[in-house]
Each structure stands twice: as structure tokens, then as C-alpha cells.
Amino acid sequence: MNDFYYTYVLLSQKDNKFYTGYTSDLKRRFEEHNKGLVASTKNRRPLVLVYFEACLNQQDATHREKYLKSFHGKMFIRNRLKSYLTG
């Protein structure tokens, strides 16, 4: 079986904003974010993994990441996580 690529969304508990990315190793990448090893999220910790999708190849994951970063993608995430975000 092929390895998966993951598109993921993190929520910063510091500024309450999302960070979207993709990786082939979700656990390792999440740990890197929370240890401050990723420049773009270093000052936004702690972070919570709030959403992820598995893709069959890197191209699909990068396209999905690009969509989730768009206006419509952000609306999709907010709708998907509505009950989580409102408590």
C-alpha cells in the first residue's frame, strides 16, 4: 500500500487563527509545530490539530492545501468545525 500525504489544519490557542499545511508524516510535523521548529507557527503556540485529510499522493495534498487556504476553503473549515469552535 502507498504512503499517504496529509493536509491538516492547526488552531493557534494564542491568536485563535488557523494554519494549514501538508505533510507525509502528520505526527512528526505536528510535533515540529508544537516544539517551535516551524518558523511560521513558532510564535503562535500552543497549537491544536483540529482537522486533517489523507490524500493518495502529494499533488492531491498540495491542491487540497491550496483550496483550504482560499476564501471558500476557509468557509468550508469553519462550517466543518462549527460545533468545535463554538463549544
N, C-alpha and C. Protein backbone atom coordinates (compact mmCIF):
# COMPACT_ATOMS: atom_id res chain seq x y z
N MET A 1 0.85 -1.20 0.00
CA MET A 1 0.00 0.00 0.00
C MET A 1 0.88 1.25 0.00
N ASN A 2 0.44 2.26 -0.70
CA ASN A 2 1.19 3.51 -0.80
C ASN A 2 1.09 4.30 0.50
N ASP A 3 2.08 5.16 0.71
CA ASP A 3 2.03 6.07 1.84
C ASP A 3 1.04 7.18 1.54
N PHE A 4 0.46 7.73 2.57
CA PHE A 4 -0.47 8.84 2.41
C PHE A 4 0.24 10.16 2.61
N TYR A 5 -0.36 11.20 2.08
CA TYR A 5 0.01 12.57 2.37
C TYR A 5 -1.18 13.19 3.07
N TYR A 6 -0.91 14.05 4.02
CA TYR A 6 -1.97 14.62 4.84
C TYR A 6 -2.03 16.13 4.66
N THR A 7 -3.23 16.63 4.48
CA THR A 7 -3.48 18.06 4.54
C THR A 7 -4.08 18.30 5.91
N TYR A 8 -3.57 19.29 6.63
CA TYR A 8 -4.01 19.46 8.02
C TYR A 8 -4.25 20.92 8.35
N VAL A 9 -5.04 21.13 9.40
CA VAL A 9 -5.33 22.47 9.89
C VAL A 9 -5.05 22.49 11.39
N LEU A 10 -4.25 23.45 11.79
CA LEU A 10 -3.95 23.67 13.20
C LEU A 10 -4.66 24.93 13.66
N LEU A 11 -5.05 24.95 14.91
CA LEU A 11 -5.64 26.14 15.51
C LEU A 11 -4.69 26.64 16.59
N SER A 12 -4.30 27.90 16.47
CA SER A 12 -3.44 28.51 17.47
C SER A 12 -4.28 28.90 18.68
N GLN A 13 -3.89 28.43 19.84
CA GLN A 13 -4.59 28.81 21.06
C GLN A 13 -4.15 30.19 21.54
N LYS A 14 -3.11 30.71 20.92
CA LYS A 14 -2.62 32.05 21.27
C LYS A 14 -3.41 33.14 20.55
N ASP A 15 -3.57 32.99 19.21
CA ASP A 15 -4.26 34.04 18.45
C ASP A 15 -5.58 33.57 17.82
N ASN A 16 -5.95 32.31 18.08
CA ASN A 16 -7.22 31.75 17.59
C ASN A 16 -7.32 31.74 16.06
N LYS A 17 -6.21 31.65 15.36
CA LYS A 17 -6.20 31.60 13.90
C LYS A 17 -5.73 30.23 13.44
N PHE A 18 -6.12 29.91 12.20
CA PHE A 18 -5.77 28.63 11.62
C PHE A 18 -4.43 28.68 10.90
N TYR A 19 -3.77 27.54 10.84
CA TYR A 19 -2.60 27.32 9.99
C TYR A 19 -2.89 26.06 9.20
N THR A 20 -2.70 26.11 7.88
CA THR A 20 -2.95 24.96 7.02
C THR A 20 -1.66 24.53 6.35
N GLY A 21 -1.43 23.22 6.30
CA GLY A 21 -0.23 22.70 5.66
C GLY A 21 -0.46 21.28 5.16
N TYR A 22 0.61 20.68 4.63
CA TYR A 22 0.53 19.28 4.22
C TYR A 22 1.85 18.60 4.56
N THR A 23 1.79 17.27 4.72
CA THR A 23 2.97 16.51 5.09
C THR A 23 2.75 15.03 4.78
N SER A 24 3.83 14.28 4.76
CA SER A 24 3.70 12.83 4.62
C SER A 24 3.75 12.13 5.98
N ASP A 25 4.08 12.88 7.03
CA ASP A 25 4.16 12.32 8.39
C ASP A 25 3.48 13.29 9.35
N LEU A 26 2.20 13.10 9.54
CA LEU A 26 1.40 14.04 10.32
C LEU A 26 1.86 14.15 11.77
N LYS A 27 2.15 13.04 12.40
CA LYS A 27 2.57 13.07 13.81
C LYS A 27 3.87 13.86 13.98
N ARG A 28 4.85 13.56 13.15
CA ARG A 28 6.14 14.26 13.23
C ARG A 28 5.97 15.75 12.98
N ARG A 29 5.18 16.11 11.95
CA ARG A 29 5.00 17.52 11.60
C ARG A 29 4.29 18.27 12.71
N PHE A 30 3.28 17.65 13.32
CA PHE A 30 2.57 18.29 14.42
C PHE A 30 3.51 18.54 15.60
N GLU A 31 4.36 17.56 15.89
CA GLU A 31 5.34 17.74 16.97
C GLU A 31 6.32 18.87 16.65
N GLU A 32 6.75 18.97 15.39
CA GLU A 32 7.65 20.06 14.98
C GLU A 32 6.99 21.42 15.21
N HIS A 33 5.72 21.52 14.86
CA HIS A 33 4.99 22.78 15.07
C HIS A 33 4.96 23.13 16.56
N ASN A 34 4.62 22.18 17.40
CA ASN A 34 4.47 22.47 18.82
C ASN A 34 5.79 22.64 19.56
N LYS A 35 6.88 22.17 18.97
CA LYS A 35 8.20 22.38 19.58
C LYS A 35 8.83 23.70 19.13
N GLY A 36 8.16 24.41 18.24
CA GLY A 36 8.67 25.70 17.76
C GLY A 36 9.70 25.56 16.65
N LEU A 37 9.71 24.43 15.95
CA LEU A 37 10.69 24.19 14.89
C LEU A 37 10.22 24.68 13.52
N VAL A 38 8.99 25.17 13.44
CA VAL A 38 8.44 25.67 12.18
C VAL A 38 8.30 27.19 12.30
N ALA A 39 9.02 27.91 11.47
CA ALA A 39 9.08 29.38 11.58
C ALA A 39 7.70 30.04 11.55
N SER A 40 6.81 29.57 10.70
CA SER A 40 5.51 30.23 10.54
C SER A 40 4.57 30.05 11.72
N THR A 41 4.81 29.08 12.57
CA THR A 41 3.94 28.87 13.73
C THR A 41 4.69 28.98 15.06
N LYS A 42 5.96 29.25 14.99
CA LYS A 42 6.82 29.30 16.18
C LYS A 42 6.27 30.21 17.29
N ASN A 43 5.76 31.37 16.90
CA ASN A 43 5.28 32.34 17.89
C ASN A 43 3.77 32.25 18.11
N ARG A 44 3.14 31.19 17.63
CA ARG A 44 1.68 31.05 17.75
C ARG A 44 1.30 29.84 18.59
N ARG A 45 2.25 29.26 19.28
CA ARG A 45 2.00 28.08 20.11
C ARG A 45 1.29 28.46 21.40
N PRO A 46 0.54 27.54 21.99
CA PRO A 46 0.34 26.14 21.61
C PRO A 46 -0.66 26.01 20.46
N LEU A 47 -0.51 24.91 19.75
CA LEU A 47 -1.35 24.61 18.59
C LEU A 47 -2.11 23.32 18.81
N VAL A 48 -3.31 23.26 18.24
CA VAL A 48 -4.15 22.07 18.35
C VAL A 48 -4.47 21.61 16.93
N LEU A 49 -4.32 20.32 16.69
CA LEU A 49 -4.70 19.75 15.40
C LEU A 49 -6.22 19.63 15.40
N VAL A 50 -6.90 20.39 14.52
CA VAL A 50 -8.36 20.40 14.53
C VAL A 50 -8.97 19.71 13.32
N TYR A 51 -8.15 19.43 12.28
CA TYR A 51 -8.70 18.82 11.06
C TYR A 51 -7.56 18.25 10.23
N PHE A 52 -7.81 17.09 9.61
CA PHE A 52 -6.86 16.58 8.63
C PHE A 52 -7.57 15.68 7.64
N GLU A 53 -6.99 15.56 6.46
CA GLU A 53 -7.47 14.69 5.41
C GLU A 53 -6.29 13.90 4.87
N ALA A 54 -6.53 12.65 4.53
CA ALA A 54 -5.49 11.82 3.91
C ALA A 54 -5.68 11.85 2.40
N CYS A 55 -4.58 12.01 1.68
CA CYS A 55 -4.59 12.02 0.21
C CYS A 55 -3.66 10.91 -0.29
N LEU A 56 -3.95 10.41 -1.47
CA LEU A 56 -3.18 9.30 -2.02
C LEU A 56 -1.84 9.71 -2.59
N ASN A 57 -1.67 11.00 -2.92
CA ASN A 57 -0.38 11.44 -3.44
C ASN A 57 -0.14 12.90 -3.07
N GLN A 58 1.09 13.33 -3.26
CA GLN A 58 1.50 14.68 -2.86
C GLN A 58 0.76 15.75 -3.65
N GLN A 59 0.53 15.51 -4.92
CA GLN A 59 -0.15 16.51 -5.76
C GLN A 59 -1.56 16.78 -5.24
N ASP A 60 -2.29 15.73 -4.89
CA ASP A 60 -3.63 15.92 -4.33
C ASP A 60 -3.57 16.70 -3.02
N ALA A 61 -2.59 16.39 -2.18
CA ALA A 61 -2.45 17.08 -0.89
C ALA A 61 -2.15 18.56 -1.08
N THR A 62 -1.28 18.89 -2.03
CA THR A 62 -0.95 20.31 -2.26
C THR A 62 -2.14 21.06 -2.85
N HIS A 63 -2.90 20.41 -3.72
CA HIS A 63 -4.10 21.06 -4.27
C HIS A 63 -5.14 21.30 -3.17
N ARG A 64 -5.29 20.32 -2.30
CA ARG A 64 -6.25 20.47 -1.21
C ARG A 64 -5.79 21.55 -0.23
N GLU A 65 -4.49 21.61 0.05
CA GLU A 65 -3.96 22.67 0.92
C GLU A 65 -4.26 24.04 0.31
N LYS A 66 -4.02 24.18 -0.97
CA LYS A 66 -4.27 25.46 -1.65
C LYS A 66 -5.75 25.84 -1.54
N TYR A 67 -6.64 24.85 -1.75
CA TYR A 67 -8.07 25.12 -1.62
C TYR A 67 -8.43 25.55 -0.19
N LEU A 68 -7.93 24.83 0.80
CA LEU A 68 -8.27 25.15 2.19
C LEU A 68 -7.75 26.52 2.62
N LYS A 69 -6.75 27.03 1.92
CA LYS A 69 -6.23 28.37 2.22
C LYS A 69 -7.01 29.46 1.50
N SER A 70 -7.88 29.07 0.57
CA SER A 70 -8.69 30.04 -0.18
C SER A 70 -9.88 30.49 0.67
N PHE A 71 -10.58 31.51 0.18
CA PHE A 71 -11.75 32.01 0.88
C PHE A 71 -12.79 30.91 1.08
N HIS A 72 -13.10 30.18 0.02
CA HIS A 72 -14.10 29.11 0.11
C HIS A 72 -13.61 27.96 0.99
N GLY A 73 -12.33 27.67 0.94
CA GLY A 73 -11.76 26.63 1.79
C GLY A 73 -11.84 27.00 3.26
N LYS A 74 -11.60 28.25 3.58
CA LYS A 74 -11.71 28.71 4.97
C LYS A 74 -13.15 28.62 5.46
N MET A 75 -14.10 28.94 4.56
CA MET A 75 -15.51 28.81 4.92
C MET A 75 -15.86 27.34 5.16
N PHE A 76 -15.31 26.44 4.33
CA PHE A 76 -15.54 25.01 4.50
C PHE A 76 -15.05 24.55 5.88
N ILE A 77 -13.84 24.95 6.25
CA ILE A 77 -13.27 24.57 7.55
C ILE A 77 -14.12 25.12 8.69
N ARG A 78 -14.49 26.38 8.61
CA ARG A 78 -15.31 26.97 9.68
C ARG A 78 -16.65 26.24 9.82
N ASN A 79 -17.29 25.91 8.69
CA ASN A 79 -18.55 25.16 8.75
C ASN A 79 -18.34 23.76 9.31
N ARG A 80 -17.27 23.12 8.89
CA ARG A 80 -16.97 21.76 9.32
C ARG A 80 -16.71 21.71 10.83
N LEU A 81 -16.10 22.76 11.34
CA LEU A 81 -15.70 22.79 12.76
C LEU A 81 -16.61 23.67 13.60
N LYS A 82 -17.75 24.03 13.07
CA LYS A 82 -18.64 24.98 13.74
C LYS A 82 -18.91 24.60 15.19
N SER A 83 -19.31 23.37 15.46
CA SER A 83 -19.64 22.99 16.84
C SER A 83 -18.39 22.94 17.71
N TYR A 84 -17.24 22.58 17.13
CA TYR A 84 -15.99 22.56 17.90
C TYR A 84 -15.58 23.98 18.30
N LEU A 85 -15.71 24.90 17.36
CA LEU A 85 -15.26 26.28 17.61
C LEU A 85 -16.19 27.05 18.54
N THR A 86 -17.46 26.70 18.56
CA THR A 86 -18.41 27.43 19.40
C THR A 86 -18.64 26.78 20.75
N GLY A 87 -18.13 25.56 20.90
CA GLY A 87 -18.24 24.88 22.19
C GLY A 87 -19.50 24.17 22.27
